[in-house]
Amino acid sequence: MTGWLATLGLGLTLVTSASPPRVQLPRAVCNTRGVCITLQEEERTADGVSLLRMEEKLPRRLAPEGAFSLWLAWPMEAERQRQIVYRAAPFHVLLETPSGRFELFAPPLVLVRRTPAETPAALVLVSFDPAGKGELKAAVNEVVAAAEARGLLTPEQQQALAARQKSLEGRLPGLVLAMESFRAKPTDPKARETFLSTLVAFPGEEMDLGARSISPESFLTASQRTTLRNAGYEVMGRRWMEYPGTPELAYRLHIEACSVEQLVREWNAGLRGPASGIERVPRPGLDFDRARRHDDVSFTLDVRNDVEGTRMHQVLRRLLAVPGVRLAPGEPLPPAH
């Protein structure tokens, strides 16, 4: 289409106007402590990512002993960028160590470019404060910590906890060394990548409260879990279904480290656990012996399609085989949800 569309009979000429240039608006990006940087937004992608223009102004070297806080572009491979940038919440690492406090913050859905031709990179705020010293401790589930405090752990379990702590502490010299190399050359891509990658990887499994290896159902024994329940601690087990994909097997029900009371209550509620895979039919209610309410139960049940009886009856029979579980008097319960 040309600019001149038509000449009207009244002697007037209709002219199309060119699209106005896109205005680059400033965008403030802040971390959770209120440390902000204002950059120009170049564009916004279809998946909601803001692409900002950044001019890094870094010194040739950082003071060897002092604190620092720097906004940086962090180029990285696409998969890691998706994990750090394409999130609903900021990516955040905070470590208090005997050397000082390390922190890395990456805002979600934000990328930066330092030159027009550069591949967009993650925007991060990295900081270190030597005054923010703290004890470096491996994460321990509160139930496992209670078992340790009550003297319930075996020597092998105590050694496993000590090994986790030692492994975590052993990574600190490498992090400090990477930081010192970065201090010497903050503009060097290799020093930057090594420091930031080491910082992000530092917490590892040892600082993950949800780590499977330290969860009560994996780390503690059945008798330890029962003892803690009797002492008033809430020790919940895991329940999940596995679908092998064979026509004769409907699903495989896994019950791990649940109390008798938990199993019965979940069956009666019909919302999760043993009742979650059965048909939508009325089912008998269950009750339990109060003396065995905290007993630990683990089993795996193949719920089959090639046997007589419904899925509901197969699961019910297995639950009734658990010591302390019995049928409850009264009318059947409504279908499970």
Protein backbone atom coordinates (compact mmCIF):
# COMPACT_ATOMS: atom_id res chain seq x y z
CA MET A 1 0.00 0.00 0.00
CA THR A 2 1.37 3.46 -0.87
CA GLY A 3 0.97 6.60 1.18
CA TRP A 4 -1.32 8.15 -1.46
CA LEU A 5 -4.61 6.24 -1.51
CA ALA A 6 -7.01 8.39 -3.45
CA THR A 7 -7.76 11.87 -4.64
CA LEU A 8 -11.27 12.93 -3.65
CA GLY A 9 -13.63 14.92 -5.87
CA LEU A 10 -13.45 17.90 -3.53
CA GLY A 11 -9.80 18.35 -4.26
CA LEU A 12 -8.71 16.76 -1.01
CA THR A 13 -6.09 14.05 -0.88
CA LEU A 14 -6.35 11.18 1.64
CA VAL A 15 -2.98 10.14 3.00
CA THR A 16 -2.26 7.19 5.27
CA SER A 17 -0.01 7.85 8.22
CA ALA A 18 2.89 5.59 9.09
CA SER A 19 2.68 3.54 12.28
CA PRO A 20 4.08 5.55 15.19
CA PRO A 21 7.38 4.29 16.54
CA ARG A 22 7.16 2.11 19.63
CA VAL A 23 7.94 4.13 22.71
CA GLN A 24 10.57 2.53 24.91
CA LEU A 25 9.29 2.95 28.43
CA PRO A 26 11.49 2.69 31.50
CA ARG A 27 10.87 -0.37 33.66
CA ALA A 28 11.96 -0.65 37.29
CA VAL A 29 13.00 -4.12 38.44
CA CYS A 30 13.39 -4.66 42.20
CA ASN A 31 14.41 -7.52 44.43
CA THR A 32 12.64 -8.51 47.65
CA ARG A 33 14.79 -6.06 49.68
CA GLY A 34 13.83 -3.06 47.53
CA VAL A 35 17.09 -2.86 45.55
CA CYS A 36 16.04 -1.65 42.10
CA ILE A 37 17.38 -1.01 38.62
CA THR A 38 15.56 0.95 35.91
CA LEU A 39 16.03 -0.19 32.30
CA GLN A 40 14.41 0.59 28.95
CA GLU A 41 11.93 -2.00 27.71
CA GLU A 42 12.62 -2.85 24.07
CA GLU A 43 9.80 -5.30 23.53
CA ARG A 44 7.51 -7.80 25.15
CA THR A 45 7.33 -11.31 23.72
CA ALA A 46 4.19 -13.34 23.09
CA ASP A 47 4.85 -15.43 26.20
CA GLY A 48 4.95 -12.36 28.44
CA VAL A 49 8.71 -11.87 28.77
CA SER A 50 9.97 -8.29 28.98
CA LEU A 51 13.15 -7.71 26.94
CA LEU A 52 15.11 -4.84 28.46
CA ARG A 53 18.18 -2.94 27.28
CA MET A 54 21.03 -2.94 29.79
CA GLU A 55 24.30 -1.07 29.94
CA GLU A 56 26.59 -2.75 32.42
CA LYS A 57 28.94 -0.40 34.22
CA LEU A 58 31.29 -2.55 36.23
CA PRO A 59 34.65 -1.72 37.76
CA ARG A 60 37.73 -3.52 36.54
CA ARG A 61 37.96 -5.24 39.93
CA LEU A 62 36.08 -5.31 43.22
CA ALA A 63 37.58 -4.61 46.62
CA PRO A 64 38.94 -7.92 47.95
CA GLU A 65 37.32 -7.74 51.40
CA GLY A 66 34.23 -5.56 51.14
CA ALA A 67 30.57 -6.09 50.37
CA PHE A 68 29.17 -5.78 46.86
CA SER A 69 25.79 -5.79 45.14
CA LEU A 70 25.65 -5.84 41.34
CA TRP A 71 22.99 -6.13 38.66
CA LEU A 72 24.37 -8.35 35.89
CA ALA A 73 23.39 -10.00 32.64
CA TRP A 74 23.90 -13.74 32.90
CA PRO A 75 24.07 -15.54 29.52
CA MET A 76 23.25 -19.23 29.81
CA GLU A 77 21.97 -22.19 27.84
CA ALA A 78 18.27 -22.22 26.93
CA GLU A 79 17.17 -24.96 29.34
CA ARG A 80 18.68 -23.29 32.40
CA GLN A 81 17.27 -19.95 31.29
CA ARG A 82 13.79 -21.46 31.19
CA GLN A 83 14.21 -22.77 34.74
CA ILE A 84 15.40 -19.43 36.12
CA VAL A 85 13.42 -16.88 34.08
CA TYR A 86 10.17 -18.56 33.03
CA ARG A 87 8.63 -18.73 36.49
CA ALA A 88 5.69 -17.26 38.36
CA ALA A 89 7.93 -16.16 41.27
CA PRO A 90 11.48 -14.80 41.40
CA PHE A 91 14.42 -17.20 41.47
CA HIS A 92 16.17 -16.61 44.78
CA VAL A 93 19.19 -18.08 46.55
CA LEU A 94 20.11 -16.84 50.03
CA LEU A 95 23.00 -18.35 51.98
CA GLU A 96 24.27 -17.34 55.38
CA THR A 97 27.69 -18.87 55.88
CA PRO A 98 30.68 -18.41 58.19
CA SER A 99 32.25 -16.38 55.35
CA GLY A 100 29.28 -14.01 54.96
CA ARG A 101 25.87 -13.78 53.29
CA PHE A 102 25.56 -14.65 49.61
CA GLU A 103 22.43 -13.75 47.66
CA LEU A 104 21.27 -14.12 44.07
CA PHE A 105 17.96 -12.77 42.76
CA ALA A 106 16.53 -13.19 39.25
CA PRO A 107 13.19 -11.54 38.43
CA PRO A 108 10.67 -13.71 36.58
CA LEU A 109 9.87 -13.14 32.92
CA VAL A 110 12.67 -10.62 32.38
CA LEU A 111 15.55 -10.85 29.90
CA VAL A 112 18.19 -8.24 29.03
CA ARG A 113 20.41 -7.40 26.08
CA ARG A 114 23.61 -5.37 26.36
CA THR A 115 23.95 -4.94 22.58
CA PRO A 116 21.34 -5.12 19.80
CA ALA A 117 22.88 -8.32 18.41
CA GLU A 118 23.32 -10.11 21.75
CA THR A 119 21.23 -13.15 22.65
CA PRO A 120 18.89 -12.17 25.51
CA ALA A 121 20.25 -13.13 28.93
CA ALA A 122 18.84 -13.47 32.42
CA LEU A 123 18.98 -10.41 34.66
CA VAL A 124 20.37 -11.16 38.13
CA LEU A 125 21.30 -9.22 41.24
CA VAL A 126 24.20 -10.88 43.02
CA SER A 127 25.46 -9.66 46.36
CA PHE A 128 27.79 -10.57 49.18
CA ASP A 129 28.04 -9.12 52.68
CA PRO A 130 30.91 -10.27 54.90
CA ALA A 131 29.04 -8.91 57.93
CA GLY A 132 26.11 -11.27 57.35
CA LYS A 133 27.81 -14.32 58.79
CA GLY A 134 25.75 -17.25 59.99
CA GLU A 135 25.90 -20.94 60.71
CA LEU A 136 25.73 -23.12 57.63
CA LYS A 137 23.34 -25.96 58.42
CA ALA A 138 21.97 -28.78 56.32
CA ALA A 139 18.17 -28.88 56.22
CA VAL A 140 16.56 -31.51 58.45
CA ASN A 141 12.85 -32.30 58.46
CA GLU A 142 11.29 -31.25 61.76
CA VAL A 143 10.07 -34.79 62.44
CA VAL A 144 13.58 -36.18 61.88
CA ALA A 145 14.96 -33.40 64.10
CA ALA A 146 12.49 -34.41 66.81
CA ALA A 147 13.64 -38.01 66.54
CA GLU A 148 17.23 -36.87 66.92
CA ALA A 149 16.39 -34.67 69.93
CA ARG A 150 14.58 -37.56 71.65
CA GLY A 151 17.52 -39.90 71.12
CA LEU A 152 15.64 -42.21 68.74
CA LEU A 153 18.15 -42.28 65.88
CA THR A 154 20.47 -45.20 65.29
CA PRO A 155 24.23 -44.66 64.95
CA GLU A 156 23.86 -45.18 61.19
CA GLN A 157 21.20 -42.48 60.97
CA GLN A 158 23.32 -40.08 63.01
CA GLN A 159 26.24 -40.72 60.70
CA ALA A 160 24.03 -39.99 57.68
CA LEU A 161 23.03 -36.60 59.14
CA ALA A 162 26.66 -35.81 59.94
CA ALA A 163 27.67 -36.72 56.38
CA ARG A 164 25.07 -34.32 54.95
CA GLN A 165 26.43 -31.51 57.10
CA LYS A 166 30.03 -32.29 56.18
CA SER A 167 29.18 -32.39 52.46
CA LEU A 168 27.54 -28.97 52.66
CA GLU A 169 30.42 -27.40 54.56
CA GLY A 170 32.91 -28.92 52.12
CA ARG A 171 31.45 -26.87 49.26
CA LEU A 172 32.05 -23.49 50.92
CA PRO A 173 35.77 -23.11 50.00
CA GLY A 174 34.93 -23.64 46.34
CA LEU A 175 32.23 -20.94 46.48
CA VAL A 176 34.59 -18.47 48.17
CA LEU A 177 37.30 -19.19 45.60
CA ALA A 178 34.85 -18.61 42.73
CA MET A 179 33.78 -15.33 44.32
CA GLU A 180 37.38 -14.14 44.68
CA SER A 181 38.04 -14.87 41.01
CA PHE A 182 34.93 -12.86 40.15
CA ARG A 183 36.07 -9.99 42.36
CA ALA A 184 39.37 -9.86 40.46
CA LYS A 185 37.64 -9.77 37.04
CA PRO A 186 33.91 -8.97 37.32
CA THR A 187 33.66 -8.33 33.56
CA ASP A 188 35.26 -11.66 32.62
CA PRO A 189 32.54 -14.01 31.23
CA LYS A 190 34.22 -17.16 32.54
CA ALA A 191 34.71 -15.80 36.08
CA ARG A 192 31.10 -14.58 36.11
CA GLU A 193 29.69 -17.90 34.90
CA THR A 194 31.75 -19.92 37.39
CA PHE A 195 30.75 -17.77 40.38
CA LEU A 196 27.04 -17.55 39.56
CA SER A 197 26.76 -21.25 38.67
CA THR A 198 28.58 -22.27 41.85
CA LEU A 199 26.30 -20.06 43.95
CA VAL A 200 23.11 -21.42 42.37
CA ALA A 201 24.24 -25.04 42.75
CA PHE A 202 25.54 -24.62 46.31
CA PRO A 203 22.38 -25.51 48.33
CA GLY A 204 22.03 -28.90 46.65
CA GLU A 205 20.09 -31.74 48.21
CA GLU A 206 21.55 -30.94 51.63
CA MET A 207 19.54 -27.69 51.95
CA ASP A 208 16.33 -29.06 50.45
CA LEU A 209 13.74 -29.68 53.19
CA GLY A 210 11.70 -31.74 50.76
CA ALA A 211 14.56 -34.07 49.85
CA ARG A 212 13.36 -37.65 49.70
CA SER A 213 16.45 -39.00 51.44
CA ILE A 214 15.68 -37.04 54.61
CA SER A 215 11.88 -37.37 54.65
CA PRO A 216 10.38 -39.20 57.67
CA GLU A 217 8.90 -41.97 55.51
CA SER A 218 12.32 -42.72 54.01
CA PHE A 219 14.79 -41.86 56.75
CA LEU A 220 13.00 -43.11 59.87
CA THR A 221 11.96 -46.66 60.70
CA ALA A 222 8.36 -47.72 61.27
CA SER A 223 8.92 -48.03 65.02
CA GLN A 224 10.49 -44.56 65.18
CA ARG A 225 7.53 -43.02 63.37
CA THR A 226 5.08 -44.82 65.68
CA THR A 227 6.97 -43.63 68.76
CA LEU A 228 6.84 -40.03 67.53
CA ARG A 229 3.11 -40.25 66.81
CA ASN A 230 2.53 -41.60 70.32
CA ALA A 231 4.48 -38.59 71.62
CA GLY A 232 2.13 -36.20 69.82
CA TYR A 233 3.97 -35.49 66.56
CA GLU A 234 2.06 -35.47 63.29
CA VAL A 235 3.85 -37.93 61.02
CA MET A 236 1.99 -38.26 57.73
CA GLY A 237 2.69 -40.97 55.18
CA ARG A 238 2.63 -41.00 51.39
CA ARG A 239 -0.06 -42.45 49.12
CA TRP A 240 0.12 -42.61 45.36
CA MET A 241 -1.12 -44.62 42.41
CA GLU A 242 0.93 -46.06 39.58
CA TYR A 243 -0.58 -46.93 36.21
CA PRO A 244 1.45 -49.71 34.50
CA GLY A 245 -0.62 -49.48 31.31
CA THR A 246 -1.61 -53.15 31.06
CA PRO A 247 -5.28 -54.11 30.51
CA GLU A 248 -5.38 -56.60 33.38
CA LEU A 249 -4.08 -54.10 35.95
CA ALA A 250 -6.23 -51.08 36.81
CA TYR A 251 -3.54 -49.45 38.93
CA ARG A 252 -0.99 -50.12 41.64
CA LEU A 253 -1.76 -48.52 45.00
CA HIS A 254 1.23 -47.54 47.13
CA ILE A 255 0.82 -46.85 50.84
CA GLU A 256 4.02 -45.77 52.58
CA ALA A 257 4.53 -44.95 56.27
CA CYS A 258 0.89 -44.07 56.99
CA SER A 259 -0.71 -44.46 60.39
CA VAL A 260 -3.75 -46.67 60.84
CA GLU A 261 -5.76 -43.58 61.71
CA GLN A 262 -4.66 -41.75 58.54
CA LEU A 263 -5.68 -44.66 56.30
CA VAL A 264 -9.10 -45.04 57.90
CA ARG A 265 -9.91 -41.34 57.90
CA GLU A 266 -8.90 -40.95 54.25
CA TRP A 267 -10.96 -43.99 53.23
CA ASN A 268 -14.00 -42.61 55.03
CA ALA A 269 -13.52 -39.11 53.58
CA GLY A 270 -13.20 -40.52 50.05
CA LEU A 271 -11.01 -37.66 48.87
CA ARG A 272 -7.52 -39.13 48.58
CA GLY A 273 -5.36 -42.06 49.51
CA PRO A 274 -6.87 -45.55 49.38
CA ALA A 275 -10.27 -44.33 48.14
CA SER A 276 -8.99 -42.20 45.27
CA GLY A 277 -8.98 -44.93 42.58
CA ILE A 278 -12.17 -46.85 43.35
CA GLU A 279 -15.49 -46.70 41.53
CA ARG A 280 -18.11 -44.11 42.44
CA VAL A 281 -20.18 -46.54 44.46
CA PRO A 282 -21.25 -46.60 48.12
CA ARG A 283 -18.58 -48.17 50.33
CA PRO A 284 -18.57 -49.48 53.90
CA GLY A 285 -17.19 -47.17 56.55
CA LEU A 286 -14.15 -48.19 58.57
CA ASP A 287 -13.10 -47.77 62.17
CA PHE A 288 -9.88 -48.53 64.07
CA ASP A 289 -8.73 -49.69 67.47
CA ARG A 290 -7.62 -46.65 69.42
CA ALA A 291 -4.68 -48.58 70.86
CA ARG A 292 -3.31 -49.07 67.33
CA ARG A 293 -4.18 -45.70 65.83
CA HIS A 294 -0.51 -44.68 65.49
CA ASP A 295 0.78 -47.99 64.12
CA ASP A 296 2.81 -47.62 60.93
CA VAL A 297 1.44 -49.17 57.73
CA SER A 298 3.14 -49.68 54.35
CA PHE A 299 2.00 -51.89 51.49
CA THR A 300 1.61 -52.09 47.72
CA LEU A 301 -1.59 -53.44 46.20
CA ASP A 302 -2.20 -54.41 42.57
CA VAL A 303 -5.82 -53.45 41.88
CA ARG A 304 -6.81 -55.66 38.98
CA ASN A 305 -9.40 -55.71 36.21
CA ASP A 306 -9.23 -59.50 35.65
CA VAL A 307 -10.54 -60.70 39.04
CA GLU A 308 -13.96 -60.97 40.59
CA GLY A 309 -15.08 -57.99 42.60
CA THR A 310 -14.84 -54.26 42.12
CA ARG A 311 -11.80 -52.11 42.70
CA MET A 312 -13.52 -50.87 45.83
CA HIS A 313 -13.81 -54.40 47.25
CA GLN A 314 -10.16 -55.20 46.45
CA VAL A 315 -8.91 -52.15 48.34
CA LEU A 316 -11.38 -52.73 51.19
CA ARG A 317 -10.16 -56.30 51.71
CA ARG A 318 -6.56 -55.11 51.91
CA LEU A 319 -7.41 -52.40 54.42
CA LEU A 320 -9.31 -54.86 56.61
CA ALA A 321 -6.18 -57.04 56.69
CA VAL A 322 -4.32 -54.23 58.49
CA PRO A 323 -4.20 -54.98 62.25
CA GLY A 324 -6.51 -52.63 64.09
CA VAL A 325 -8.81 -51.82 61.13
CA ARG A 326 -12.44 -53.01 61.22
CA LEU A 327 -15.79 -52.28 59.62
CA ALA A 328 -17.74 -49.44 61.19
CA PRO A 329 -21.40 -49.90 62.08
CA GLY A 330 -24.05 -47.96 60.21
CA GLU A 331 -25.05 -47.19 56.67
CA PRO A 332 -22.57 -47.29 53.75
CA LEU A 333 -20.73 -44.09 52.91
CA PRO A 334 -21.67 -42.12 49.77
CA PRO A 335 -19.56 -42.60 46.61
CA ALA A 336 -16.00 -41.31 46.76
CA HIS A 337 -15.28 -38.06 44.95
